Protein backbone atom coordinates (compact mmCIF):
# COMPACT_ATOMS: atom_id res chain seq x y z
CA MET A 1 -29.64 -3.81 -62.60
CA LYS A 2 -29.83 -6.37 -59.78
CA ARG A 3 -26.17 -5.77 -58.85
CA ALA A 4 -26.86 -2.07 -58.38
CA LYS A 5 -29.57 -2.90 -55.80
CA VAL A 6 -27.51 -5.56 -53.98
CA ALA A 7 -24.28 -3.55 -53.59
CA PRO A 8 -25.67 -1.06 -51.02
CA ILE A 9 -27.15 -3.91 -48.98
CA VAL A 10 -23.84 -5.79 -48.95
CA ALA A 11 -22.02 -2.60 -47.97
CA LEU A 12 -24.46 -2.04 -45.08
CA VAL A 13 -24.06 -5.61 -43.84
CA VAL A 14 -20.26 -5.39 -43.98
CA ALA A 15 -20.34 -2.03 -42.17
CA ALA A 16 -22.64 -3.43 -39.47
CA VAL A 17 -20.40 -6.45 -38.90
CA LEU A 18 -17.30 -4.26 -38.68
CA ALA A 19 -19.03 -1.85 -36.31
CA GLY A 20 -20.04 -4.79 -34.12
CA LEU A 21 -16.48 -6.08 -34.01
CA VAL A 22 -15.13 -2.67 -33.09
CA TRP A 23 -17.75 -2.33 -30.34
CA VAL A 24 -16.89 -5.76 -28.89
CA LEU A 25 -13.18 -5.00 -28.89
CA VAL A 26 -13.53 -1.50 -27.44
CA ALA A 27 -16.41 -1.94 -25.01
CA GLY A 28 -15.66 -5.50 -24.02
CA GLY A 29 -11.94 -5.44 -24.54
CA GLY A 30 -12.10 -8.81 -26.26
CA GLY A 31 -12.03 -10.36 -22.81
CA ASN A 32 -12.40 -13.90 -21.65
CA ASP A 33 -15.67 -13.51 -19.74
CA ASP A 34 -17.90 -16.25 -21.10
CA LYS A 35 -16.03 -19.21 -19.61
CA ASN A 36 -14.69 -18.75 -16.12
CA GLY A 37 -12.96 -21.69 -14.56
CA ILE A 38 -10.23 -24.26 -14.64
CA VAL A 39 -9.17 -25.17 -18.16
CA ASP A 40 -6.78 -27.74 -19.54
CA SER A 41 -3.29 -26.79 -20.60
CA ASN A 42 -0.34 -28.71 -21.98
CA LEU A 43 1.69 -26.87 -19.32
CA LEU A 44 -0.01 -28.54 -16.36
CA ASP A 45 2.35 -30.57 -14.16
CA LYS A 46 5.33 -29.34 -16.20
CA PRO A 47 7.95 -26.68 -15.50
CA ALA A 48 6.67 -23.20 -16.24
CA PRO A 49 8.02 -21.57 -19.38
CA ALA A 50 10.97 -19.26 -18.90
CA VAL A 51 9.90 -15.71 -18.16
CA ARG A 52 12.65 -13.12 -18.36
CA THR A 53 11.42 -9.57 -18.73
CA THR A 54 11.25 -6.27 -16.93
CA THR A 55 8.64 -4.85 -14.64
CA LEU A 56 6.71 -1.73 -15.50
CA ASP A 57 9.17 0.06 -13.18
CA GLY A 58 12.11 -1.15 -15.28
CA GLN A 59 13.37 -3.79 -12.84
CA PRO A 60 14.59 -7.13 -14.23
CA PHE A 61 12.37 -10.15 -13.58
CA ASP A 62 13.20 -13.84 -13.94
CA LEU A 63 10.52 -16.36 -12.99
CA ALA A 64 13.20 -18.99 -12.28
CA ARG A 65 14.41 -16.82 -9.37
CA ARG A 66 10.97 -17.13 -7.75
CA LYS A 67 11.45 -20.87 -7.11
CA GLY A 68 10.74 -21.66 -3.49
CA ASN A 69 7.58 -19.51 -3.60
CA TRP A 70 4.05 -20.03 -4.79
CA VAL A 71 3.50 -17.73 -7.77
CA VAL A 72 0.28 -16.51 -9.33
CA LEU A 73 0.64 -15.10 -12.86
CA ASN A 74 -2.34 -13.08 -14.05
CA PHE A 75 -2.54 -12.11 -17.73
CA PHE A 76 -4.17 -8.72 -18.25
CA ASN A 77 -5.07 -5.85 -20.58
CA SER A 78 -6.18 -2.47 -19.24
CA THR A 79 -8.97 -2.17 -21.84
CA CYS A 80 -10.43 -5.63 -21.12
CA ALA A 81 -13.77 -5.32 -19.29
CA PRO A 82 -13.43 -8.69 -17.45
CA CYS A 83 -9.86 -7.75 -16.42
CA ARG A 84 -11.09 -4.45 -15.04
CA ALA A 85 -13.91 -6.19 -13.17
CA GLU A 86 -11.50 -8.81 -11.77
CA HIS A 87 -8.94 -6.26 -10.55
CA PRO A 88 -10.50 -5.48 -7.12
CA GLU A 89 -10.46 -9.22 -6.40
CA LEU A 90 -6.75 -9.38 -7.19
CA VAL A 91 -6.14 -6.39 -4.91
CA THR A 92 -7.92 -8.25 -2.10
CA PHE A 93 -6.01 -11.47 -2.84
CA ALA A 94 -2.65 -9.65 -2.82
CA GLU A 95 -3.47 -7.93 0.47
CA GLN A 96 -4.49 -11.24 2.08
CA GLN A 97 -1.39 -13.02 0.79
CA GLY A 98 0.78 -10.14 2.04
CA LEU A 99 -0.59 -10.67 5.54
CA LEU A 100 0.67 -14.26 5.38
CA GLY A 101 4.25 -13.05 4.94
CA LEU A 102 6.58 -15.73 3.59
CA ALA A 103 3.69 -18.22 3.51
CA GLY A 104 1.75 -16.07 1.03
CA ALA A 105 1.69 -16.53 -2.72
CA GLU A 106 3.38 -13.90 -4.89
CA LEU A 107 1.15 -12.20 -7.47
CA TYR A 108 2.44 -10.87 -10.79
CA THR A 109 0.47 -9.34 -13.65
CA VAL A 110 1.65 -9.86 -17.24
CA VAL A 111 0.57 -7.01 -19.52
CA GLN A 112 -0.61 -7.86 -23.02
CA ILE A 113 1.66 -6.82 -25.91
CA ASP A 114 -0.76 -4.29 -27.40
CA ASP A 115 -1.60 -2.57 -24.12
CA ASP A 116 -0.45 1.01 -23.60
CA LEU A 117 1.99 0.95 -20.68
CA GLN A 118 1.00 4.43 -19.51
CA ALA A 119 -2.64 3.32 -19.49
CA VAL A 120 -1.60 0.35 -17.33
CA ARG A 121 0.25 2.67 -14.90
CA ASP A 122 -2.78 4.96 -14.74
CA PHE A 123 -5.10 1.99 -14.19
CA PHE A 124 -3.06 0.64 -11.26
CA ASP A 125 -2.55 4.12 -9.80
CA ALA A 126 -6.31 4.74 -9.83
CA ARG A 127 -7.48 1.27 -8.75
CA GLY A 128 -4.71 0.03 -6.48
CA GLY A 129 -2.46 -2.97 -6.67
CA ASP A 130 1.17 -2.75 -5.67
CA TRP A 131 2.43 -6.08 -6.95
CA PRO A 132 4.94 -6.26 -9.84
CA ILE A 133 3.58 -5.72 -13.34
CA LEU A 134 5.53 -7.59 -16.02
CA THR A 135 5.87 -6.25 -19.54
CA ASP A 136 5.55 -8.58 -22.53
CA GLU A 137 6.56 -6.25 -25.34
CA GLU A 138 7.20 -9.07 -27.83
CA GLY A 139 4.24 -11.24 -26.79
CA SER A 140 6.53 -14.17 -26.00
CA ILE A 141 5.16 -14.73 -22.48
CA PHE A 142 1.57 -14.86 -23.73
CA VAL A 143 2.63 -17.30 -26.46
CA ALA A 144 4.66 -19.49 -24.08
CA PHE A 145 1.68 -19.83 -21.74
CA GLY A 146 -0.82 -20.25 -24.60
CA VAL A 147 -2.89 -17.23 -23.59
CA ALA A 148 -5.19 -15.93 -26.33
CA LEU A 149 -7.85 -14.11 -24.31
CA VAL A 150 -7.54 -12.26 -21.03
CA PRO A 151 -7.88 -12.53 -18.14
CA GLU A 152 -6.14 -15.80 -17.46
CA THR A 153 -4.42 -16.88 -14.29
CA PHE A 154 -1.79 -19.55 -13.63
CA ILE A 155 -0.67 -21.00 -10.31
CA ILE A 156 2.97 -22.14 -10.19
CA ASP A 157 4.33 -24.16 -7.28
CA PRO A 158 7.64 -23.58 -5.43
CA ASP A 159 9.37 -26.08 -7.73
CA GLY A 160 8.40 -23.96 -10.74
CA VAL A 161 5.72 -26.40 -11.94
CA VAL A 162 2.43 -25.13 -13.40
CA ARG A 163 -0.43 -26.46 -11.28
CA LEU A 164 -3.45 -24.57 -12.61
CA ARG A 165 -4.74 -22.56 -15.53
CA TRP A 166 -7.88 -20.49 -14.95
CA ALA A 167 -9.63 -18.80 -17.88
CA GLY A 168 -11.71 -15.72 -17.23
CA GLN A 169 -12.29 -13.75 -14.08
CA ILE A 170 -11.37 -15.22 -10.72
CA ASP A 171 -12.35 -13.93 -7.30
CA ALA A 172 -10.07 -13.56 -4.27
CA VAL A 173 -11.70 -16.33 -2.26
CA THR A 174 -11.51 -18.91 -5.06
CA LEU A 175 -7.91 -18.01 -5.87
CA ALA A 176 -6.84 -18.27 -2.22
CA GLN A 177 -8.67 -21.60 -1.85
CA LEU A 178 -6.98 -23.00 -4.96
CA VAL A 179 -3.52 -21.95 -3.76
CA GLN A 180 -4.25 -23.53 -0.37
CA GLN A 181 -5.51 -26.77 -1.97
CA PHE A 182 -2.32 -27.06 -4.00
CA ARG A 183 -0.21 -26.31 -0.91
CA GLN A 184 -1.91 -29.17 0.91
CA ALA A 185 -1.69 -31.52 -2.06
CA PHE A 186 2.00 -30.92 -2.62
CA GLY A 187 3.06 -30.40 0.98
CA THR A 188 4.61 -26.99 0.51
């Protein structure tokens, strides 16, 4: 008799937990918004992992060919609320870096494996951002960089060495200041 009374309660609790998880993943995108800032990484001060992929436009991309330039890699998902909130800051950063010409850092966005590529195109078309978007259809780039939650941002120096890992949203001013600090520290 007691089991008959407990079963509906257990079912309700399980349903509530599942509904909460679905809401977090859909409304919040599972984003990395509770800890914004510099985080440790076993990649720091080491050569960046190999990144060979294609852009959303179908062009080949090889991170090794970007040596000689400061590179900012931003990991993204179009359904992630913190990613969506961060995007205008990245647009501003890219515009400011573009004004610097050859002295500016190059920005690339890496799209999460489970993201819908048409949704990404639509997102960028509606919200701006004309920098290259890199596809990660197998998830190997996310794994190589140790990214579990988005957004995350990495700064890579002209020698191809990872200098910074930032978890969570970053604003244009902070990102530009960090790139400049690393330029001064490493003389490039």
